[in-house]
Amino acid sequence: MCGKAFQDSYQGTKLLPVHLYILLHLKKAGVDYANMMAKMTELDVFLIKDAINDLLEAGLIERDSGSAVKRSKARFKKAFEVHKHHTYYRLSRKGELFLRSINEEWIKRYFTDLLNRYDIVHMLVRSSDFQEVCKKLGKECETLRNELILHRFITPSGKKTRFFKLLSEFLEL
């Protein structure tokens, strides 16, 4: 159930970086809602909502019931208790088990499948921007730039996005 099958797809859902981020975010946050995830990552809220719907269909996350959420359950909240004005989500049991299966080898295979090279992610994490990575890449630079922009790892100007910084932090890259 884990490993390669999750990397390519899970019940017909391709696991994109935004899906992975949401799963990792919910693991750290406990529960949260789409607008807050969009605000934290600086991604479009519609992209987050689409990814949430994919993860709901795949059974990796679920809606959190109740009318209030306590800080002990929603670890990113500052107030002790907050009345819900949004739809909150949390990891399902399947989602928790999947995240437990993620290890260094899985991450390496995931980014190799995604970008054809795992080292690019590490190079980007350790660099100030994509131009610094380009100096090491040579001819591959332009093709890779488009892939990294598509996955929202860098901006068109080559700066690392907030989304990429959080994803790499959550994955401990």
N, C-alpha and C. Protein backbone atom coordinates (compact mmCIF):
# COMPACT_ATOMS: atom_id res chain seq x y z
N MET A 1 0.81 -1.20 0.00
CA MET A 1 0.00 0.00 0.00
C MET A 1 0.85 1.26 0.00
N CYS A 2 2.05 1.22 0.51
CA CYS A 2 2.90 2.40 0.51
C CYS A 2 3.98 2.24 -0.55
N GLY A 3 4.97 3.12 -0.54
CA GLY A 3 6.08 3.01 -1.47
C GLY A 3 5.73 3.52 -2.85
N LYS A 4 6.12 2.78 -3.88
CA LYS A 4 5.99 3.21 -5.27
C LYS A 4 4.55 3.52 -5.66
N ALA A 5 3.60 2.72 -5.18
CA ALA A 5 2.20 2.94 -5.55
C ALA A 5 1.73 4.33 -5.13
N PHE A 6 2.16 4.81 -3.99
CA PHE A 6 1.77 6.14 -3.53
C PHE A 6 2.46 7.23 -4.33
N GLN A 7 3.69 6.97 -4.77
CA GLN A 7 4.43 8.00 -5.47
C GLN A 7 3.78 8.36 -6.79
N ASP A 8 3.41 7.36 -7.58
CA ASP A 8 2.84 7.63 -8.88
C ASP A 8 1.39 8.06 -8.77
N SER A 9 0.60 7.32 -8.01
CA SER A 9 -0.80 7.67 -7.81
C SER A 9 -1.33 6.89 -6.62
N TYR A 10 -2.42 7.36 -6.10
CA TYR A 10 -3.11 6.65 -5.04
C TYR A 10 -4.58 6.67 -5.41
N GLN A 11 -5.13 5.53 -5.74
CA GLN A 11 -6.51 5.41 -6.19
C GLN A 11 -6.82 6.42 -7.31
N GLY A 12 -5.88 6.54 -8.26
CA GLY A 12 -6.08 7.41 -9.40
C GLY A 12 -5.66 8.85 -9.17
N THR A 13 -5.22 9.21 -7.97
CA THR A 13 -4.79 10.57 -7.67
C THR A 13 -3.28 10.64 -7.69
N LYS A 14 -2.73 11.41 -8.63
CA LYS A 14 -1.29 11.60 -8.68
C LYS A 14 -0.89 12.46 -7.48
N LEU A 15 0.11 12.03 -6.77
CA LEU A 15 0.55 12.75 -5.58
C LEU A 15 1.51 13.86 -5.99
N LEU A 16 0.99 15.07 -6.07
CA LEU A 16 1.77 16.25 -6.43
C LEU A 16 2.37 16.87 -5.18
N PRO A 17 3.35 17.76 -5.34
CA PRO A 17 3.93 18.41 -4.17
C PRO A 17 2.90 19.13 -3.29
N VAL A 18 1.88 19.72 -3.88
CA VAL A 18 0.86 20.40 -3.08
C VAL A 18 0.09 19.40 -2.22
N HIS A 19 -0.16 18.20 -2.74
CA HIS A 19 -0.81 17.16 -1.94
C HIS A 19 0.08 16.76 -0.77
N LEU A 20 1.34 16.55 -1.07
CA LEU A 20 2.29 16.16 -0.04
C LEU A 20 2.39 17.24 1.04
N TYR A 21 2.43 18.51 0.60
CA TYR A 21 2.48 19.60 1.57
C TYR A 21 1.27 19.58 2.51
N ILE A 22 0.08 19.43 1.94
CA ILE A 22 -1.14 19.45 2.77
C ILE A 22 -1.10 18.32 3.80
N LEU A 23 -0.69 17.14 3.38
CA LEU A 23 -0.58 16.02 4.32
C LEU A 23 0.40 16.35 5.44
N LEU A 24 1.56 16.88 5.08
CA LEU A 24 2.57 17.21 6.08
C LEU A 24 2.11 18.37 6.98
N HIS A 25 1.42 19.33 6.38
CA HIS A 25 0.89 20.46 7.14
C HIS A 25 -0.11 19.96 8.19
N LEU A 26 -1.02 19.09 7.77
CA LEU A 26 -2.01 18.56 8.70
C LEU A 26 -1.37 17.69 9.79
N LYS A 27 -0.29 17.03 9.45
CA LYS A 27 0.43 16.25 10.47
C LYS A 27 0.97 17.18 11.55
N LYS A 28 1.53 18.32 11.13
CA LYS A 28 2.09 19.27 12.09
C LYS A 28 1.00 20.07 12.80
N ALA A 29 -0.03 20.48 12.05
CA ALA A 29 -1.06 21.36 12.60
C ALA A 29 -2.11 20.63 13.42
N GLY A 30 -2.34 19.37 13.13
CA GLY A 30 -3.44 18.64 13.76
C GLY A 30 -4.69 18.78 12.90
N VAL A 31 -5.27 19.96 12.89
CA VAL A 31 -6.39 20.29 12.00
C VAL A 31 -6.14 21.69 11.45
N ASP A 32 -6.65 21.97 10.27
CA ASP A 32 -6.55 23.31 9.70
C ASP A 32 -7.53 23.43 8.54
N TYR A 33 -7.63 24.64 7.98
CA TYR A 33 -8.56 24.89 6.88
C TYR A 33 -7.83 25.45 5.67
N ALA A 34 -8.46 25.37 4.53
CA ALA A 34 -7.83 25.69 3.25
C ALA A 34 -7.27 27.11 3.19
N ASN A 35 -8.04 28.09 3.63
CA ASN A 35 -7.58 29.48 3.53
C ASN A 35 -6.30 29.71 4.31
N MET A 36 -6.16 29.07 5.46
CA MET A 36 -4.95 29.24 6.27
C MET A 36 -3.75 28.59 5.58
N MET A 37 -3.97 27.40 4.98
CA MET A 37 -2.87 26.75 4.26
C MET A 37 -2.44 27.60 3.07
N ALA A 38 -3.40 28.19 2.38
CA ALA A 38 -3.09 29.07 1.25
C ALA A 38 -2.33 30.30 1.72
N LYS A 39 -2.74 30.85 2.84
CA LYS A 39 -2.07 32.04 3.39
C LYS A 39 -0.63 31.71 3.78
N MET A 40 -0.43 30.58 4.43
CA MET A 40 0.91 30.20 4.88
C MET A 40 1.86 29.92 3.71
N THR A 41 1.36 29.28 2.67
CA THR A 41 2.20 28.90 1.53
C THR A 41 2.29 29.97 0.45
N GLU A 42 1.37 30.94 0.51
CA GLU A 42 1.24 31.96 -0.52
C GLU A 42 0.83 31.36 -1.87
N LEU A 43 0.13 30.21 -1.81
CA LEU A 43 -0.44 29.60 -3.00
C LEU A 43 -1.89 30.04 -3.14
N ASP A 44 -2.42 29.92 -4.34
CA ASP A 44 -3.81 30.26 -4.60
C ASP A 44 -4.73 29.32 -3.82
N VAL A 45 -5.73 29.88 -3.17
CA VAL A 45 -6.64 29.09 -2.35
C VAL A 45 -7.37 28.02 -3.18
N PHE A 46 -7.63 28.30 -4.45
CA PHE A 46 -8.31 27.32 -5.30
C PHE A 46 -7.42 26.10 -5.57
N LEU A 47 -6.12 26.32 -5.67
CA LEU A 47 -5.18 25.20 -5.82
C LEU A 47 -5.21 24.33 -4.56
N ILE A 48 -5.20 24.94 -3.41
CA ILE A 48 -5.26 24.22 -2.13
C ILE A 48 -6.58 23.46 -2.03
N LYS A 49 -7.69 24.11 -2.36
CA LYS A 49 -8.99 23.46 -2.27
C LYS A 49 -9.10 22.28 -3.22
N ASP A 50 -8.58 22.42 -4.44
CA ASP A 50 -8.58 21.29 -5.39
C ASP A 50 -7.76 20.13 -4.84
N ALA A 51 -6.61 20.42 -4.28
CA ALA A 51 -5.75 19.38 -3.71
C ALA A 51 -6.44 18.72 -2.51
N ILE A 52 -7.12 19.50 -1.69
CA ILE A 52 -7.86 18.95 -0.55
C ILE A 52 -8.94 17.99 -1.06
N ASN A 53 -9.65 18.39 -2.10
CA ASN A 53 -10.68 17.51 -2.67
C ASN A 53 -10.08 16.20 -3.18
N ASP A 54 -8.92 16.28 -3.83
CA ASP A 54 -8.23 15.07 -4.29
C ASP A 54 -7.91 14.16 -3.10
N LEU A 55 -7.39 14.76 -2.03
CA LEU A 55 -6.99 13.97 -0.85
C LEU A 55 -8.20 13.40 -0.11
N LEU A 56 -9.31 14.14 -0.12
CA LEU A 56 -10.55 13.61 0.46
C LEU A 56 -11.02 12.39 -0.32
N GLU A 57 -11.02 12.50 -1.65
CA GLU A 57 -11.44 11.38 -2.51
C GLU A 57 -10.54 10.17 -2.32
N ALA A 58 -9.25 10.42 -2.12
CA ALA A 58 -8.30 9.33 -1.93
C ALA A 58 -8.38 8.73 -0.53
N GLY A 59 -9.09 9.41 0.37
CA GLY A 59 -9.23 8.91 1.73
C GLY A 59 -8.05 9.20 2.63
N LEU A 60 -7.17 10.11 2.22
CA LEU A 60 -5.99 10.43 3.02
C LEU A 60 -6.25 11.51 4.06
N ILE A 61 -7.28 12.32 3.84
CA ILE A 61 -7.71 13.30 4.84
C ILE A 61 -9.22 13.21 4.99
N GLU A 62 -9.73 13.85 6.04
CA GLU A 62 -11.17 13.87 6.27
C GLU A 62 -11.56 15.19 6.91
N ARG A 63 -12.84 15.53 6.79
CA ARG A 63 -13.35 16.74 7.43
C ARG A 63 -13.37 16.53 8.94
N ASP A 64 -13.08 17.59 9.67
CA ASP A 64 -13.11 17.52 11.13
C ASP A 64 -14.45 18.06 11.59
N SER A 65 -15.16 17.27 12.36
CA SER A 65 -16.49 17.68 12.82
C SER A 65 -16.39 18.52 14.09
N GLY A 66 -17.50 19.10 14.48
CA GLY A 66 -17.55 19.92 15.69
C GLY A 66 -17.65 21.38 15.36
N SER A 67 -18.02 22.17 16.35
CA SER A 67 -18.22 23.61 16.12
C SER A 67 -17.07 24.46 16.64
N ALA A 68 -16.19 23.85 17.43
CA ALA A 68 -15.05 24.59 17.97
C ALA A 68 -13.81 23.71 17.89
N VAL A 69 -12.66 24.36 17.91
CA VAL A 69 -11.40 23.63 17.88
C VAL A 69 -10.49 24.20 18.96
N LYS A 70 -9.91 23.33 19.76
CA LYS A 70 -9.00 23.75 20.83
C LYS A 70 -7.57 23.77 20.30
N ARG A 71 -6.74 24.61 20.93
CA ARG A 71 -5.36 24.74 20.51
C ARG A 71 -4.61 23.40 20.63
N SER A 72 -4.99 22.57 21.58
CA SER A 72 -4.31 21.28 21.72
C SER A 72 -4.54 20.41 20.48
N LYS A 73 -5.64 20.64 19.78
CA LYS A 73 -5.96 19.87 18.57
C LYS A 73 -5.42 20.59 17.32
N ALA A 74 -5.50 21.91 17.31
CA ALA A 74 -5.02 22.73 16.18
C ALA A 74 -3.78 23.48 16.67
N ARG A 75 -2.63 22.86 16.50
CA ARG A 75 -1.41 23.36 17.11
C ARG A 75 -0.93 24.70 16.57
N PHE A 76 -1.41 25.16 15.41
CA PHE A 76 -0.98 26.45 14.88
C PHE A 76 -1.85 27.60 15.39
N LYS A 77 -2.92 27.30 16.12
CA LYS A 77 -3.81 28.34 16.63
C LYS A 77 -3.17 29.01 17.85
N LYS A 78 -3.39 30.31 17.95
CA LYS A 78 -2.85 31.05 19.09
C LYS A 78 -3.83 31.09 20.27
N ALA A 79 -5.12 31.13 19.98
CA ALA A 79 -6.14 31.18 21.03
C ALA A 79 -6.36 29.78 21.60
N PHE A 80 -6.80 29.72 22.85
CA PHE A 80 -7.04 28.44 23.51
C PHE A 80 -8.13 27.64 22.79
N GLU A 81 -9.20 28.35 22.40
CA GLU A 81 -10.30 27.70 21.69
C GLU A 81 -10.85 28.66 20.65
N VAL A 82 -11.15 28.13 19.47
CA VAL A 82 -11.67 28.94 18.37
C VAL A 82 -12.93 28.29 17.84
N HIS A 83 -13.98 29.10 17.64
CA HIS A 83 -15.19 28.59 17.01
C HIS A 83 -14.94 28.52 15.51
N LYS A 84 -15.33 27.42 14.91
CA LYS A 84 -15.06 27.19 13.50
C LYS A 84 -15.94 28.08 12.62
N HIS A 85 -15.28 28.75 11.68
CA HIS A 85 -15.97 29.53 10.66
C HIS A 85 -15.61 29.00 9.28
N HIS A 86 -14.85 27.93 9.25
CA HIS A 86 -14.38 27.31 8.01
C HIS A 86 -14.54 25.80 8.14
N THR A 87 -14.34 25.10 7.04
CA THR A 87 -14.30 23.65 7.10
C THR A 87 -12.87 23.24 7.42
N TYR A 88 -12.72 22.54 8.53
CA TYR A 88 -11.40 22.08 8.96
C TYR A 88 -11.18 20.65 8.49
N TYR A 89 -9.91 20.32 8.26
CA TYR A 89 -9.53 18.99 7.79
C TYR A 89 -8.46 18.42 8.71
N ARG A 90 -8.40 17.09 8.73
CA ARG A 90 -7.37 16.39 9.49
C ARG A 90 -6.98 15.15 8.71
N LEU A 91 -5.87 14.56 9.09
CA LEU A 91 -5.43 13.31 8.46
C LEU A 91 -6.39 12.19 8.82
N SER A 92 -6.65 11.33 7.86
CA SER A 92 -7.40 10.10 8.15
C SER A 92 -6.39 9.07 8.64
N ARG A 93 -6.88 7.94 9.03
CA ARG A 93 -5.98 6.86 9.45
C ARG A 93 -5.05 6.46 8.30
N LYS A 94 -5.60 6.38 7.07
CA LYS A 94 -4.79 6.06 5.89
C LYS A 94 -3.69 7.11 5.69
N GLY A 95 -4.06 8.38 5.88
CA GLY A 95 -3.09 9.47 5.74
C GLY A 95 -1.97 9.38 6.77
N GLU A 96 -2.34 9.07 8.01
CA GLU A 96 -1.34 8.92 9.07
C GLU A 96 -0.38 7.77 8.75
N LEU A 97 -0.93 6.64 8.32
CA LEU A 97 -0.09 5.49 7.99
C LEU A 97 0.83 5.79 6.80
N PHE A 98 0.28 6.49 5.82
CA PHE A 98 1.10 6.86 4.67
C PHE A 98 2.27 7.74 5.10
N LEU A 99 2.01 8.77 5.90
CA LEU A 99 3.08 9.67 6.31
C LEU A 99 4.14 8.95 7.14
N ARG A 100 3.73 7.96 7.90
CA ARG A 100 4.71 7.17 8.66
C ARG A 100 5.64 6.39 7.75
N SER A 101 5.15 6.07 6.56
CA SER A 101 5.97 5.28 5.61
C SER A 101 6.98 6.15 4.87
N ILE A 102 6.86 7.46 4.96
CA ILE A 102 7.80 8.34 4.25
C ILE A 102 9.14 8.33 4.97
N ASN A 103 10.17 7.98 4.22
CA ASN A 103 11.53 8.02 4.76
C ASN A 103 12.43 8.65 3.70
N GLU A 104 13.71 8.67 3.97
CA GLU A 104 14.65 9.31 3.05
C GLU A 104 14.63 8.66 1.67
N GLU A 105 14.54 7.35 1.64
CA GLU A 105 14.50 6.63 0.36
C GLU A 105 13.23 6.99 -0.44
N TRP A 106 12.10 7.07 0.25
CA TRP A 106 10.85 7.43 -0.41
C TRP A 106 10.95 8.83 -1.00
N ILE A 107 11.48 9.77 -0.23
CA ILE A 107 11.63 11.16 -0.68
C ILE A 107 12.53 11.22 -1.91
N LYS A 108 13.61 10.47 -1.87
CA LYS A 108 14.53 10.44 -3.00
C LYS A 108 13.83 9.93 -4.26
N ARG A 109 13.08 8.83 -4.15
CA ARG A 109 12.34 8.28 -5.30
C ARG A 109 11.27 9.26 -5.79
N TYR A 110 10.58 9.89 -4.83
CA TYR A 110 9.51 10.83 -5.19
C TYR A 110 10.04 11.97 -6.06
N PHE A 111 11.11 12.62 -5.60
CA PHE A 111 11.63 13.76 -6.37
C PHE A 111 12.35 13.32 -7.64
N THR A 112 12.89 12.12 -7.65
CA THR A 112 13.47 11.58 -8.88
C THR A 112 12.37 11.36 -9.91
N ASP A 113 11.24 10.79 -9.47
CA ASP A 113 10.10 10.60 -10.38
C ASP A 113 9.53 11.94 -10.85
N LEU A 114 9.49 12.90 -9.95
CA LEU A 114 8.88 14.20 -10.25
C LEU A 114 9.74 15.04 -11.20
N LEU A 115 11.04 15.11 -10.93
CA LEU A 115 11.92 16.02 -11.67
C LEU A 115 13.03 15.32 -12.45
N ASN A 116 13.03 14.00 -12.43
CA ASN A 116 14.07 13.19 -13.08
C ASN A 116 15.44 13.30 -12.41
N ARG A 117 15.56 14.13 -11.40
CA ARG A 117 16.81 14.27 -10.65
C ARG A 117 16.48 14.68 -9.22
N TYR A 118 16.93 13.89 -8.28
CA TYR A 118 16.72 14.19 -6.87
C TYR A 118 17.64 15.31 -6.39
N ASP A 119 18.85 15.36 -6.90
CA ASP A 119 19.83 16.31 -6.41
C ASP A 119 19.41 17.76 -6.62
N ILE A 120 18.52 18.00 -7.57
CA ILE A 120 18.05 19.37 -7.85
C ILE A 120 17.38 19.96 -6.61
N VAL A 121 16.56 19.16 -5.93
CA VAL A 121 15.85 19.64 -4.75
C VAL A 121 16.85 20.03 -3.67
N HIS A 122 17.84 19.19 -3.44
CA HIS A 122 18.86 19.51 -2.43
C HIS A 122 19.67 20.73 -2.84
N MET A 123 19.99 20.85 -4.13
CA MET A 123 20.72 22.02 -4.61
C MET A 123 19.91 23.28 -4.36
N LEU A 124 18.61 23.22 -4.64
CA LEU A 124 17.75 24.39 -4.45
C LEU A 124 17.61 24.74 -2.97
N VAL A 125 17.47 23.73 -2.12
CA VAL A 125 17.36 23.98 -0.68
C VAL A 125 18.60 24.73 -0.18
N ARG A 126 19.76 24.34 -0.66
CA ARG A 126 21.02 24.89 -0.15
C ARG A 126 21.47 26.17 -0.87
N SER A 127 20.77 26.56 -1.91
CA SER A 127 21.17 27.76 -2.66
C SER A 127 20.32 28.95 -2.25
N SER A 128 20.77 30.12 -2.66
CA SER A 128 19.99 31.33 -2.37
C SER A 128 18.83 31.49 -3.34
N ASP A 129 19.02 31.04 -4.59
CA ASP A 129 17.96 31.10 -5.60
C ASP A 129 18.29 30.16 -6.74
N PHE A 130 17.42 30.13 -7.75
CA PHE A 130 17.61 29.19 -8.85
C PHE A 130 18.80 29.56 -9.73
N GLN A 131 19.16 30.84 -9.83
CA GLN A 131 20.30 31.25 -10.64
C GLN A 131 21.58 30.57 -10.13
N GLU A 132 21.68 30.42 -8.83
CA GLU A 132 22.84 29.75 -8.25
C GLU A 132 22.87 28.27 -8.66
N VAL A 133 21.70 27.64 -8.71
CA VAL A 133 21.60 26.24 -9.14
C VAL A 133 21.95 26.15 -10.63
N CYS A 134 21.49 27.12 -11.41
CA CYS A 134 21.73 27.12 -12.87
C CYS A 134 23.21 27.12 -13.22
N LYS A 135 24.01 27.77 -12.42
CA LYS A 135 25.45 27.81 -12.68
C LYS A 135 26.05 26.40 -12.68
N LYS A 136 25.46 25.51 -11.87
CA LYS A 136 25.96 24.14 -11.77
C LYS A 136 25.35 23.22 -12.83
N LEU A 137 24.19 23.61 -13.38
CA LEU A 137 23.45 22.73 -14.28
C LEU A 137 23.82 22.85 -15.74
N GLY A 138 24.07 24.05 -16.20
CA GLY A 138 24.38 24.24 -17.61
C GLY A 138 23.14 24.16 -18.49
N LYS A 139 23.14 23.26 -19.49
CA LYS A 139 22.09 23.18 -20.51
C LYS A 139 20.72 22.79 -19.96
N GLU A 140 20.69 22.03 -18.87
CA GLU A 140 19.42 21.56 -18.30
C GLU A 140 18.60 22.67 -17.65
N CYS A 141 19.22 23.78 -17.46
CA CYS A 141 18.65 24.85 -16.64
C CYS A 141 17.25 25.29 -17.07
N GLU A 142 17.05 25.57 -18.34
CA GLU A 142 15.76 26.13 -18.79
C GLU A 142 14.62 25.13 -18.65
N THR A 143 14.85 23.88 -19.01
CA THR A 143 13.82 22.85 -18.87
C THR A 143 13.45 22.68 -17.41
N LEU A 144 14.45 22.63 -16.58
CA LEU A 144 14.22 22.47 -15.15
C LEU A 144 13.51 23.68 -14.56
N ARG A 145 13.87 24.87 -15.01
CA ARG A 145 13.22 26.09 -14.53
C ARG A 145 11.70 25.99 -14.71
N ASN A 146 11.27 25.55 -15.88
CA ASN A 146 9.84 25.44 -16.17
C ASN A 146 9.17 24.42 -15.24
N GLU A 147 9.85 23.29 -14.99
CA GLU A 147 9.31 22.27 -14.08
C GLU A 147 9.17 22.83 -12.66
N LEU A 148 10.19 23.54 -12.21
CA LEU A 148 10.16 24.08 -10.85
C LEU A 148 9.10 25.17 -10.69
N ILE A 149 8.89 25.94 -11.73
CA ILE A 149 7.82 26.95 -11.71
C ILE A 149 6.46 26.25 -11.69
N LEU A 150 6.30 25.22 -12.53
CA LEU A 150 5.05 24.46 -12.59
C LEU A 150 4.67 23.90 -11.22
N HIS A 151 5.65 23.36 -10.51
CA HIS A 151 5.39 22.78 -9.19
C HIS A 151 5.41 23.83 -8.07
N ARG A 152 5.60 25.09 -8.46
CA ARG A 152 5.60 26.23 -7.54
C ARG A 152 6.73 26.19 -6.53
N PHE A 153 7.89 25.68 -6.98
CA PHE A 153 9.08 25.67 -6.14
C PHE A 153 9.83 26.99 -6.26
N ILE A 154 9.76 27.60 -7.44
CA ILE A 154 10.40 28.89 -7.67
C ILE A 154 9.43 29.82 -8.39
N THR A 155 9.72 31.11 -8.31
CA THR A 155 8.95 32.12 -9.05
C THR A 155 9.57 32.25 -10.44
N PRO A 156 8.89 32.91 -11.38
CA PRO A 156 9.49 33.11 -12.70
C PRO A 156 10.84 33.84 -12.65
N SER A 157 11.06 34.63 -11.62
CA SER A 157 12.35 35.33 -11.50
C SER A 157 13.43 34.45 -10.86
N GLY A 158 13.06 33.23 -10.40
CA GLY A 158 14.04 32.30 -9.86
C GLY A 158 14.14 32.26 -8.34
N LYS A 159 13.33 33.05 -7.65
CA LYS A 159 13.36 33.02 -6.18
C LYS A 159 12.60 31.81 -5.66
N LYS A 160 13.09 31.23 -4.58
CA LYS A 160 12.39 30.12 -3.96
C LYS A 160 11.07 30.62 -3.38
N THR A 161 10.02 29.84 -3.55
CA THR A 161 8.71 30.24 -3.03
C THR A 161 8.58 29.87 -1.56
N ARG A 162 7.65 30.52 -0.90
CA ARG A 162 7.34 30.19 0.50
C ARG A 162 6.88 28.73 0.58
N PHE A 163 6.10 28.31 -0.40
CA PHE A 163 5.63 26.92 -0.47
C PHE A 163 6.80 25.95 -0.47
N PHE A 164 7.79 26.17 -1.33
CA PHE A 164 8.94 25.28 -1.39
C PHE A 164 9.71 25.27 -0.08
N LYS A 165 9.88 26.44 0.50
CA LYS A 165 10.61 26.52 1.77
C LYS A 165 9.91 25.71 2.86
N LEU A 166 8.58 25.83 2.94
CA LEU A 166 7.83 25.07 3.95
C LEU A 166 7.86 23.57 3.66
N LEU A 167 7.66 23.19 2.39
CA LEU A 167 7.69 21.78 2.03
C LEU A 167 9.03 21.16 2.38
N SER A 168 10.12 21.83 2.02
CA SER A 168 11.44 21.27 2.31
C SER A 168 11.72 21.25 3.80
N GLU A 169 11.19 22.21 4.53
CA GLU A 169 11.33 22.20 6.00
C GLU A 169 10.55 21.03 6.60
N PHE A 170 9.32 20.83 6.15
CA PHE A 170 8.49 19.73 6.67
C PHE A 170 9.10 18.37 6.33
N LEU A 171 9.76 18.26 5.18
CA LEU A 171 10.41 17.01 4.78
C LEU A 171 11.81 16.87 5.37
N GLU A 172 12.26 17.91 6.05
CA GLU A 172 13.59 17.95 6.68
C GLU A 172 14.70 17.71 5.65
N LEU A 173 14.60 18.43 4.52
CA LEU A 173 15.61 18.30 3.46
C LEU A 173 16.84 19.14 3.77
